Amino acid sequence: MNIKTIYIFIRANLEAIIWITALVLLSFSSPHEEHYSLCVFHNLGFSYCPGCGIGHSISYFFHGEITASFLAHPLGIVAIGIIFFRIIQLTIFKKINPYKI
């Protein structure tokens, strides 16, 4: 495999790679610990950010804390389903019919 082949693969599957990486990072991060955030609202000192709530909700869900997941953000579990569906669209459905999606 050469560099050009790797570049073409990454470019063709970039969105799927980003979603999978995000879910893996959220599954390994601890929602209980304070950590560095790329969130603009968090870095400006705001205490509430809906995006951070969804991230914490997803992390709680992957750690088996369903109630805490719902309390962090009610749509976090729904977001997991949507992200998984999008990953399936980008990988499996793309292989079946690459020009329809």
PDB file of N, CA and C in Angstrom:
ATOM      1  N   MET A   1       0.831  -1.171   0.000  1.00  0.00           N
ATOM      2  CA  MET A   1       0.000   0.000   0.000  1.00  0.00           C
ATOM      3  C   MET A   1       0.881   1.242   0.000  1.00  0.00           C
ATOM      4  N   ASN A   2       0.599   2.151  -0.876  1.00  0.00           N
ATOM      5  CA  ASN A   2       1.391   3.372  -0.908  1.00  0.00           C
ATOM      6  C   ASN A   2       0.616   4.539  -0.297  1.00  0.00           C
ATOM      7  N   ILE A   3       1.254   5.665  -0.196  1.00  0.00           N
ATOM      8  CA  ILE A   3       0.673   6.844   0.446  1.00  0.00           C
ATOM      9  C   ILE A   3      -0.572   7.321  -0.297  1.00  0.00           C
ATOM     10  N   LYS A   4      -0.556   7.280  -1.603  1.00  0.00           N
ATOM     11  CA  LYS A   4      -1.698   7.747  -2.382  1.00  0.00           C
ATOM     12  C   LYS A   4      -2.934   6.896  -2.105  1.00  0.00           C
ATOM     13  N   THR A   5      -2.779   5.597  -1.986  1.00  0.00           N
ATOM     14  CA  THR A   5      -3.893   4.703  -1.687  1.00  0.00           C
ATOM     15  C   THR A   5      -4.466   4.998  -0.305  1.00  0.00           C
ATOM     16  N   ILE A   6      -3.595   5.223   0.669  1.00  0.00           N
ATOM     17  CA  ILE A   6      -4.036   5.553   2.023  1.00  0.00           C
ATOM     18  C   ILE A   6      -4.787   6.888   2.018  1.00  0.00           C
ATOM     19  N   TYR A   7      -4.258   7.868   1.305  1.00  0.00           N
ATOM     20  CA  TYR A   7      -4.904   9.179   1.209  1.00  0.00           C
ATOM     21  C   TYR A   7      -6.297   9.062   0.588  1.00  0.00           C
ATOM     22  N   ILE A   8      -6.422   8.293  -0.475  1.00  0.00           N
ATOM     23  CA  ILE A   8      -7.714   8.111  -1.138  1.00  0.00           C
ATOM     24  C   ILE A   8      -8.703   7.418  -0.203  1.00  0.00           C
ATOM     25  N   PHE A   9      -8.245   6.413   0.542  1.00  0.00           N
ATOM     26  CA  PHE A   9      -9.110   5.705   1.486  1.00  0.00           C
ATOM     27  C   PHE A   9      -9.599   6.649   2.585  1.00  0.00           C
ATOM     28  N   ILE A  10      -8.687   7.423   3.151  1.00  0.00           N
ATOM     29  CA  ILE A  10      -9.064   8.348   4.232  1.00  0.00           C
ATOM     30  C   ILE A  10     -10.016   9.413   3.708  1.00  0.00           C
ATOM     31  N   ARG A  11      -9.728   9.948   2.551  1.00  0.00           N
ATOM     32  CA  ARG A  11     -10.598  10.989   1.987  1.00  0.00           C
ATOM     33  C   ARG A  11     -11.985  10.456   1.669  1.00  0.00           C
ATOM     34  N   ALA A  12     -12.075   9.239   1.175  1.00  0.00           N
ATOM     35  CA  ALA A  12     -13.366   8.645   0.838  1.00  0.00           C
ATOM     36  C   ALA A  12     -14.176   8.285   2.079  1.00  0.00           C
ATOM     37  N   ASN A  13     -13.509   8.030   3.189  1.00  0.00           N
ATOM     38  CA  ASN A  13     -14.187   7.579   4.409  1.00  0.00           C
ATOM     39  C   ASN A  13     -14.007   8.531   5.581  1.00  0.00           C
ATOM     40  N   LEU A  14     -13.704   9.780   5.318  1.00  0.00           N
ATOM     41  CA  LEU A  14     -13.360  10.727   6.376  1.00  0.00           C
ATOM     42  C   LEU A  14     -14.483  10.915   7.399  1.00  0.00           C
ATOM     43  N   GLU A  15     -15.704  11.070   6.948  1.00  0.00           N
ATOM     44  CA  GLU A  15     -16.805  11.284   7.888  1.00  0.00           C
ATOM     45  C   GLU A  15     -16.990  10.081   8.808  1.00  0.00           C
ATOM     46  N   ALA A  16     -16.943   8.883   8.255  1.00  0.00           N
ATOM     47  CA  ALA A  16     -17.072   7.670   9.078  1.00  0.00           C
ATOM     48  C   ALA A  16     -15.919   7.570  10.076  1.00  0.00           C
ATOM     49  N   ILE A  17     -14.727   7.896   9.643  1.00  0.00           N
ATOM     50  CA  ILE A  17     -13.558   7.855  10.535  1.00  0.00           C
ATOM     51  C   ILE A  17     -13.731   8.843  11.682  1.00  0.00           C
ATOM     52  N   ILE A  18     -14.238  10.041  11.399  1.00  0.00           N
ATOM     53  CA  ILE A  18     -14.448  11.053  12.439  1.00  0.00           C
ATOM     54  C   ILE A  18     -15.491  10.582  13.445  1.00  0.00           C
ATOM     55  N   TRP A  19     -16.634  10.055  12.972  1.00  0.00           N
ATOM     56  CA  TRP A  19     -17.686   9.589  13.891  1.00  0.00           C
ATOM     57  C   TRP A  19     -17.217   8.418  14.746  1.00  0.00           C
ATOM     58  N   ILE A  20     -16.530   7.469  14.141  1.00  0.00           N
ATOM     59  CA  ILE A  20     -16.032   6.315  14.898  1.00  0.00           C
ATOM     60  C   ILE A  20     -15.012   6.768  15.942  1.00  0.00           C
ATOM     61  N   THR A  21     -14.098   7.655  15.555  1.00  0.00           N
ATOM     62  CA  THR A  21     -13.100   8.173  16.492  1.00  0.00           C
ATOM     63  C   THR A  21     -13.767   8.906  17.648  1.00  0.00           C
ATOM     64  N   ALA A  22     -14.777   9.716  17.351  1.00  0.00           N
ATOM     65  CA  ALA A  22     -15.472  10.457  18.402  1.00  0.00           C
ATOM     66  C   ALA A  22     -16.139   9.510  19.393  1.00  0.00           C
ATOM     67  N   LEU A  23     -16.812   8.479  18.893  1.00  0.00           N
ATOM     68  CA  LEU A  23     -17.470   7.533  19.799  1.00  0.00           C
ATOM     69  C   LEU A  23     -16.463   6.741  20.630  1.00  0.00           C
ATOM     70  N   VAL A  24     -15.351   6.356  20.019  1.00  0.00           N
ATOM     71  CA  VAL A  24     -14.325   5.620  20.769  1.00  0.00           C
ATOM     72  C   VAL A  24     -13.730   6.515  21.862  1.00  0.00           C
ATOM     73  N   LEU A  25     -13.422   7.761  21.532  1.00  0.00           N
ATOM     74  CA  LEU A  25     -12.861   8.678  22.537  1.00  0.00           C
ATOM     75  C   LEU A  25     -13.859   8.935  23.665  1.00  0.00           C
ATOM     76  N   LEU A  26     -15.137   9.101  23.330  1.00  0.00           N
ATOM     77  CA  LEU A  26     -16.142   9.312  24.368  1.00  0.00           C
ATOM     78  C   LEU A  26     -16.356   8.069  25.223  1.00  0.00           C
ATOM     79  N   SER A  27     -16.180   6.899  24.631  1.00  0.00           N
ATOM     80  CA  SER A  27     -16.363   5.674  25.413  1.00  0.00           C
ATOM     81  C   SER A  27     -15.212   5.451  26.395  1.00  0.00           C
ATOM     82  N   PHE A  28     -14.026   5.956  26.074  1.00  0.00           N
ATOM     83  CA  PHE A  28     -12.882   5.799  26.972  1.00  0.00           C
ATOM     84  C   PHE A  28     -12.719   6.956  27.958  1.00  0.00           C
ATOM     85  N   SER A  29     -13.342   8.088  27.689  1.00  0.00           N
ATOM     86  CA  SER A  29     -13.202   9.221  28.598  1.00  0.00           C
ATOM     87  C   SER A  29     -14.117   9.043  29.809  1.00  0.00           C
ATOM     88  N   SER A  30     -13.670   9.555  30.927  1.00  0.00           N
ATOM     89  CA  SER A  30     -14.459   9.467  32.150  1.00  0.00           C
ATOM     90  C   SER A  30     -15.341  10.701  32.268  1.00  0.00           C
ATOM     91  N   PRO A  31     -16.648  10.527  32.375  1.00  0.00           N
ATOM     92  CA  PRO A  31     -17.529  11.692  32.496  1.00  0.00           C
ATOM     93  C   PRO A  31     -17.469  12.334  33.882  1.00  0.00           C
ATOM     94  N   HIS A  32     -16.852  11.668  34.845  1.00  0.00           N
ATOM     95  CA  HIS A  32     -16.793  12.163  36.210  1.00  0.00           C
ATOM     96  C   HIS A  32     -15.623  13.119  36.446  1.00  0.00           C
ATOM     97  N   GLU A  33     -14.602  13.072  35.607  1.00  0.00           N
ATOM     98  CA  GLU A  33     -13.409  13.884  35.804  1.00  0.00           C
ATOM     99  C   GLU A  33     -13.477  15.168  34.979  1.00  0.00           C
ATOM    100  N   GLU A  34     -12.901  16.214  35.527  1.00  0.00           N
ATOM    101  CA  GLU A  34     -12.775  17.464  34.790  1.00  0.00           C
ATOM    102  C   GLU A  34     -11.602  17.308  33.824  1.00  0.00           C
ATOM    103  N   HIS A  35     -11.795  17.642  32.580  1.00  0.00           N
ATOM    104  CA  HIS A  35     -10.743  17.480  31.590  1.00  0.00           C
ATOM    105  C   HIS A  35     -10.740  18.683  30.652  1.00  0.00           C
ATOM    106  N   TYR A  36      -9.698  18.774  29.859  1.00  0.00           N
ATOM    107  CA  TYR A  36      -9.601  19.863  28.889  1.00  0.00           C
ATOM    108  C   TYR A  36     -10.709  19.713  27.859  1.00  0.00           C
ATOM    109  N   SER A  37     -11.284  20.807  27.473  1.00  0.00           N
ATOM    110  CA  SER A  37     -12.386  20.793  26.528  1.00  0.00           C
ATOM    111  C   SER A  37     -12.085  21.726  25.361  1.00  0.00           C
ATOM    112  N   LEU A  38     -12.509  21.335  24.184  1.00  0.00           N
ATOM    113  CA  LEU A  38     -12.396  22.195  23.015  1.00  0.00           C
ATOM    114  C   LEU A  38     -13.634  23.072  22.845  1.00  0.00           C
ATOM    115  N   CYS A  39     -14.564  22.931  23.759  1.00  0.00           N
ATOM    116  CA  CYS A  39     -15.825  23.665  23.697  1.00  0.00           C
ATOM    117  C   CYS A  39     -15.591  25.163  23.883  1.00  0.00           C
ATOM    118  N   VAL A  40     -16.103  25.954  22.979  1.00  0.00           N
ATOM    119  CA  VAL A  40     -15.946  27.406  23.037  1.00  0.00           C
ATOM    120  C   VAL A  40     -16.667  27.963  24.265  1.00  0.00           C
ATOM    121  N   PHE A  41     -17.895  27.478  24.523  1.00  0.00           N
ATOM    122  CA  PHE A  41     -18.657  27.974  25.672  1.00  0.00           C
ATOM    123  C   PHE A  41     -17.942  27.665  26.990  1.00  0.00           C
ATOM    124  N   HIS A  42     -17.442  26.437  27.115  1.00  0.00           N
ATOM    125  CA  HIS A  42     -16.738  26.028  28.333  1.00  0.00           C
ATOM    126  C   HIS A  42     -15.487  26.884  28.539  1.00  0.00           C
ATOM    127  N   ASN A  43     -14.748  27.118  27.478  1.00  0.00           N
ATOM    128  CA  ASN A  43     -13.520  27.911  27.584  1.00  0.00           C
ATOM    129  C   ASN A  43     -13.787  29.393  27.833  1.00  0.00           C
ATOM    130  N   LEU A  44     -14.992  29.866  27.505  1.00  0.00           N
ATOM    131  CA  LEU A  44     -15.354  31.256  27.794  1.00  0.00           C
ATOM    132  C   LEU A  44     -15.941  31.422  29.189  1.00  0.00           C
ATOM    133  N   GLY A  45     -16.117  30.311  29.919  1.00  0.00           N
ATOM    134  CA  GLY A  45     -16.578  30.390  31.298  1.00  0.00           C
ATOM    135  C   GLY A  45     -18.049  30.112  31.509  1.00  0.00           C
ATOM    136  N   PHE A  46     -18.785  29.785  30.449  1.00  0.00           N
ATOM    137  CA  PHE A  46     -20.198  29.460  30.616  1.00  0.00           C
ATOM    138  C   PHE A  46     -20.321  28.095  31.281  1.00  0.00           C
ATOM    139  N   SER A  47     -21.283  27.951  32.164  1.00  0.00           N
ATOM    140  CA  SER A  47     -21.427  26.681  32.887  1.00  0.00           C
ATOM    141  C   SER A  47     -22.266  25.674  32.112  1.00  0.00           C
ATOM    142  N   TYR A  48     -23.066  26.122  31.160  1.00  0.00           N
ATOM    143  CA  TYR A  48     -23.926  25.192  30.427  1.00  0.00           C
ATOM    144  C   TYR A  48     -23.638  25.256  28.939  1.00  0.00           C
ATOM    145  N   CYS A  49     -23.527  24.106  28.351  1.00  0.00           N
ATOM    146  CA  CYS A  49     -23.373  23.984  26.904  1.00  0.00           C
ATOM    147  C   CYS A  49     -24.093  22.715  26.481  1.00  0.00           C
ATOM    148  N   PRO A  50     -25.058  22.786  25.561  1.00  0.00           N
ATOM    149  CA  PRO A  50     -25.781  21.584  25.158  1.00  0.00           C
ATOM    150  C   PRO A  50     -24.876  20.550  24.491  1.00  0.00           C
ATOM    151  N   GLY A  51     -23.856  20.985  23.820  1.00  0.00           N
ATOM    152  CA  GLY A  51     -22.928  20.040  23.187  1.00  0.00           C
ATOM    153  C   GLY A  51     -22.140  19.242  24.208  1.00  0.00           C
ATOM    154  N   CYS A  52     -21.686  19.909  25.263  1.00  0.00           N
ATOM    155  CA  CYS A  52     -20.966  19.209  26.333  1.00  0.00           C
ATOM    156  C   CYS A  52     -21.892  18.232  27.036  1.00  0.00           C
ATOM    157  N   GLY A  53     -23.159  18.613  27.186  1.00  0.00           N
ATOM    158  CA  GLY A  53     -24.129  17.720  27.809  1.00  0.00           C
ATOM    159  C   GLY A  53     -24.311  16.447  27.008  1.00  0.00           C
ATOM    160  N   ILE A  54     -24.347  16.570  25.700  1.00  0.00           N
ATOM    161  CA  ILE A  54     -24.487  15.383  24.861  1.00  0.00           C
ATOM    162  C   ILE A  54     -23.233  14.525  24.942  1.00  0.00           C
ATOM    163  N   GLY A  55     -22.074  15.152  24.950  1.00  0.00           N
ATOM    164  CA  GLY A  55     -20.823  14.395  25.087  1.00  0.00           C
ATOM    165  C   GLY A  55     -20.769  13.635  26.396  1.00  0.00           C
ATOM    166  N   HIS A  56     -21.141  14.297  27.501  1.00  0.00           N
ATOM    167  CA  HIS A  56     -21.171  13.623  28.786  1.00  0.00           C
ATOM    168  C   HIS A  56     -22.223  12.516  28.789  1.00  0.00           C
ATOM    169  N   SER A  57     -23.366  12.777  28.168  1.00  0.00           N
ATOM    170  CA  SER A  57     -24.425  11.780  28.105  1.00  0.00           C
ATOM    171  C   SER A  57     -23.956  10.523  27.379  1.00  0.00           C
ATOM    172  N   ILE A  58     -23.267  10.696  26.270  1.00  0.00           N
ATOM    173  CA  ILE A  58     -22.749   9.557  25.519  1.00  0.00           C
ATOM    174  C   ILE A  58     -21.709   8.804  26.341  1.00  0.00           C
ATOM    175  N   SER A  59     -20.849   9.532  27.022  1.00  0.00           N
ATOM    176  CA  SER A  59     -19.833   8.896  27.855  1.00  0.00           C
ATOM    177  C   SER A  59     -20.473   8.114  29.005  1.00  0.00           C
ATOM    178  N   TYR A  60     -21.454   8.717  29.679  1.00  0.00           N
ATOM    179  CA  TYR A  60     -22.175   8.001  30.739  1.00  0.00           C
ATOM    180  C   TYR A  60     -22.827   6.731  30.189  1.00  0.00           C
ATOM    181  N   PHE A  61     -23.435   6.831  29.016  1.00  0.00           N
ATOM    182  CA  PHE A  61     -24.105   5.673  28.416  1.00  0.00           C
ATOM    183  C   PHE A  61     -23.124   4.534  28.173  1.00  0.00           C
ATOM    184  N   PHE A  62     -21.957   4.855  27.629  1.00  0.00           N
ATOM    185  CA  PHE A  62     -20.962   3.812  27.360  1.00  0.00           C
ATOM    186  C   PHE A  62     -20.380   3.221  28.642  1.00  0.00           C
ATOM    187  N   HIS A  63     -20.506   3.942  29.740  1.00  0.00           N
ATOM    188  CA  HIS A  63     -20.058   3.412  31.031  1.00  0.00           C
ATOM    189  C   HIS A  63     -21.187   2.708  31.776  1.00  0.00           C
ATOM    190  N   GLY A  64     -22.351   2.556  31.144  1.00  0.00           N
ATOM    191  CA  GLY A  64     -23.464   1.822  31.724  1.00  0.00           C
ATOM    192  C   GLY A  64     -24.320   2.617  32.689  1.00  0.00           C
ATOM    193  N   GLU A  65     -24.133   3.917  32.741  1.00  0.00           N
ATOM    194  CA  GLU A  65     -24.896   4.769  33.652  1.00  0.00           C
ATOM    195  C   GLU A  65     -26.020   5.453  32.863  1.00  0.00           C
ATOM    196  N   ILE A  66     -27.094   4.687  32.633  1.00  0.00           N
ATOM    197  CA  ILE A  66     -28.178   5.150  31.771  1.00  0.00           C
ATOM    198  C   ILE A  66     -28.909   6.355  32.382  1.00  0.00           C
ATOM    199  N   THR A  67     -29.190   6.317  33.679  1.00  0.00           N
ATOM    200  CA  THR A  67     -29.891   7.422  34.328  1.00  0.00           C
ATOM    201  C   THR A  67     -29.057   8.699  34.265  1.00  0.00           C
ATOM    202  N   ALA A  68     -27.783   8.596  34.575  1.00  0.00           N
ATOM    203  CA  ALA A  68     -26.896   9.768  34.501  1.00  0.00           C
ATOM    204  C   ALA A  68     -26.801  10.268  33.067  1.00  0.00           C
ATOM    205  N   SER A  69     -26.834   9.344  32.104  1.00  0.00           N
ATOM    206  CA  SER A  69     -26.800   9.719  30.702  1.00  0.00           C
ATOM    207  C   SER A  69     -28.012  10.564  30.344  1.00  0.00           C
ATOM    208  N   PHE A  70     -29.178  10.121  30.785  1.00  0.00           N
ATOM    209  CA  PHE A  70     -30.402  10.869  30.499  1.00  0.00           C
ATOM    210  C   PHE A  70     -30.407  12.222  31.199  1.00  0.00           C
ATOM    211  N   LEU A  71     -29.899  12.258  32.424  1.00  0.00           N
ATOM    212  CA  LEU A  71     -29.875  13.518  33.177  1.00  0.00           C
ATOM    213  C   LEU A  71     -28.870  14.516  32.598  1.00  0.00           C
ATOM    214  N   ALA A  72     -27.765  14.031  32.032  1.00  0.00           N
ATOM    215  CA  ALA A  72     -26.774  14.931  31.420  1.00  0.00           C
ATOM    216  C   ALA A  72     -27.360  15.617  30.189  1.00  0.00           C
ATOM    217  N   HIS A  73     -28.095  14.855  29.378  1.00  0.00           N
ATOM    218  CA  HIS A  73     -28.796  15.412  28.223  1.00  0.00           C
ATOM    219  C   HIS A  73     -29.784  14.368  27.728  1.00  0.00           C
ATOM    220  N   PRO A  74     -31.066  14.688  27.687  1.00  0.00           N
ATOM    221  CA  PRO A  74     -32.072  13.704  27.301  1.00  0.00           C
ATOM    222  C   PRO A  74     -31.912  13.150  25.884  1.00  0.00           C
ATOM    223  N   LEU A  75     -31.260  13.883  25.013  1.00  0.00           N
ATOM    224  CA  LEU A  75     -31.104  13.427  23.629  1.00  0.00           C
ATOM    225  C   LEU A  75     -29.777  12.714  23.369  1.00  0.00           C
ATOM    226  N   GLY A  76     -28.988  12.481  24.405  1.00  0.00           N
ATOM    227  CA  GLY A  76     -27.698  11.814  24.219  1.00  0.00           C
ATOM    228  C   GLY A  76     -27.840  10.402  23.687  1.00  0.00           C
ATOM    229  N   ILE A  77     -28.788   9.648  24.222  1.00  0.00           N
ATOM    230  CA  ILE A  77     -28.989   8.268  23.770  1.00  0.00           C
ATOM    231  C   ILE A  77     -29.517   8.260  22.336  1.00  0.00           C
ATOM    232  N   VAL A  78     -30.387   9.208  22.023  1.00  0.00           N
ATOM    233  CA  VAL A  78     -30.883   9.330  20.648  1.00  0.00           C
ATOM    234  C   VAL A  78     -29.725   9.670  19.709  1.00  0.00           C
ATOM    235  N   ALA A  79     -28.821  10.535  20.156  1.00  0.00           N
ATOM    236  CA  ALA A  79     -27.665  10.914  19.336  1.00  0.00           C
ATOM    237  C   ALA A  79     -26.785   9.704  19.026  1.00  0.00           C
ATOM    238  N   ILE A  80     -26.637   8.804  19.993  1.00  0.00           N
ATOM    239  CA  ILE A  80     -25.849   7.585  19.756  1.00  0.00           C
ATOM    240  C   ILE A  80     -26.480   6.772  18.634  1.00  0.00           C
ATOM    241  N   GLY A  81     -27.794   6.619  18.689  1.00  0.00           N
ATOM    242  CA  GLY A  81     -28.491   5.879  17.638  1.00  0.00           C
ATOM    243  C   GLY A  81     -28.325   6.517  16.273  1.00  0.00           C
ATOM    244  N   ILE A  82     -28.438   7.834  16.223  1.00  0.00           N
ATOM    245  CA  ILE A  82     -28.288   8.556  14.953  1.00  0.00           C
ATOM    246  C   ILE A  82     -26.867   8.422  14.422  1.00  0.00           C
ATOM    247  N   ILE A  83     -25.878   8.541  15.308  1.00  0.00           N
ATOM    248  CA  ILE A  83     -24.482   8.419  14.878  1.00  0.00           C
ATOM    249  C   ILE A  83     -24.182   7.009  14.384  1.00  0.00           C
ATOM    250  N   PHE A  84     -24.670   5.982  15.104  1.00  0.00           N
ATOM    251  CA  PHE A  84     -24.476   4.606  14.640  1.00  0.00           C
ATOM    252  C   PHE A  84     -25.136   4.384  13.281  1.00  0.00           C
ATOM    253  N   PHE A  85     -26.350   4.920  13.104  1.00  0.00           N
ATOM    254  CA  PHE A  85     -27.027   4.783  11.811  1.00  0.00           C
ATOM    255  C   PHE A  85     -26.227   5.460  10.705  1.00  0.00           C
ATOM    256  N   ARG A  86     -25.674   6.629  11.003  1.00  0.00           N
ATOM    257  CA  ARG A  86     -24.866   7.342  10.001  1.00  0.00           C
ATOM    258  C   ARG A  86     -23.606   6.560   9.648  1.00  0.00           C
ATOM    259  N   ILE A  87     -22.982   5.955  10.650  1.00  0.00           N
ATOM    260  CA  ILE A  87     -21.795   5.130  10.379  1.00  0.00           C
ATOM    261  C   ILE A  87     -22.162   3.962   9.488  1.00  0.00           C
ATOM    262  N   ILE A  88     -23.313   3.342   9.754  1.00  0.00           N
ATOM    263  CA  ILE A  88     -23.765   2.222   8.912  1.00  0.00           C
ATOM    264  C   ILE A  88     -24.035   2.711   7.497  1.00  0.00           C
ATOM    265  N   GLN A  89     -24.664   3.877   7.356  1.00  0.00           N
ATOM    266  CA  GLN A  89     -24.884   4.447   6.024  1.00  0.00           C
ATOM    267  C   GLN A  89     -23.576   4.645   5.280  1.00  0.00           C
ATOM    268  N   LEU A  90     -22.586   5.159   5.985  1.00  0.00           N
ATOM    269  CA  LEU A  90     -21.317   5.493   5.345  1.00  0.00           C
ATOM    270  C   LEU A  90     -20.456   4.276   5.046  1.00  0.00           C
ATOM    271  N   THR A  91     -20.689   3.163   5.718  1.00  0.00           N
ATOM    272  CA  THR A  91     -19.846   1.983   5.515  1.00  0.00           C
ATOM    273  C   THR A  91     -20.582   0.879   4.766  1.00  0.00           C
ATOM    274  N   ILE A  92     -21.593   0.311   5.357  1.00  0.00           N
ATOM    275  CA  ILE A  92     -22.270  -0.849   4.761  1.00  0.00           C
ATOM    276  C   ILE A  92     -23.095  -0.456   3.544  1.00  0.00           C
ATOM    277  N   PHE A  93     -23.968   0.567   3.683  1.00  0.00           N
ATOM    278  CA  PHE A  93     -24.809   0.956   2.561  1.00  0.00           C
ATOM    279  C   PHE A  93     -23.995   1.501   1.401  1.00  0.00           C
ATOM    280  N   LYS A  94     -22.889   2.147   1.698  1.00  0.00           N
ATOM    281  CA  LYS A  94     -22.026   2.676   0.655  1.00  0.00           C
ATOM    282  C   LYS A  94     -21.426   1.550  -0.180  1.00  0.00           C
ATOM    283  N   LYS A  95     -21.087   0.432   0.495  1.00  0.00           N
ATOM    284  CA  LYS A  95     -20.524  -0.710  -0.222  1.00  0.00           C
ATOM    285  C   LYS A  95     -21.559  -1.361  -1.131  1.00  0.00           C
ATOM    286  N   ILE A  96     -22.842  -1.360  -0.699  1.00  0.00           N
ATOM    287  CA  ILE A  96     -23.897  -1.978  -1.494  1.00  0.00           C
ATOM    288  C   ILE A  96     -24.191  -1.141  -2.728  1.00  0.00           C
ATOM    289  N   ASN A  97     -24.399   0.155  -2.540  1.00  0.00           N
ATOM    290  CA  ASN A  97     -24.743   1.044  -3.639  1.00  0.00           C
ATOM    291  C   ASN A  97     -24.048   2.391  -3.408  1.00  0.00           C
ATOM    292  N   PRO A  98     -22.814   2.536  -3.838  1.00  0.00           N
ATOM    293  CA  PRO A  98     -22.025   3.713  -3.497  1.00  0.00           C
ATOM    294  C   PRO A  98     -22.514   5.036  -4.071  1.00  0.00           C
ATOM    295  N   TYR A  99     -23.407   5.006  -5.075  1.00  0.00           N
ATOM    296  CA  TYR A  99     -23.807   6.254  -5.703  1.00  0.00           C
ATOM    297  C   TYR A  99     -25.176   6.761  -5.258  1.00  0.00           C
ATOM    298  N   LYS A 100     -25.869   6.028  -4.414  1.00  0.00           N
ATOM    299  CA  LYS A 100     -27.211   6.423  -3.990  1.00  0.00           C
ATOM    300  C   LYS A 100     -27.214   7.216  -2.700  1.00  0.00           C
ATOM    301  N   ILE A 101     -26.160   7.169  -1.888  1.00  0.00           N
ATOM    302  CA  ILE A 101     -26.169   7.875  -0.605  1.00  0.00           C
ATOM    303  C   ILE A 101     -25.283   9.102  -0.696  1.00  0.00           C
TER     304      ILE A 101
END
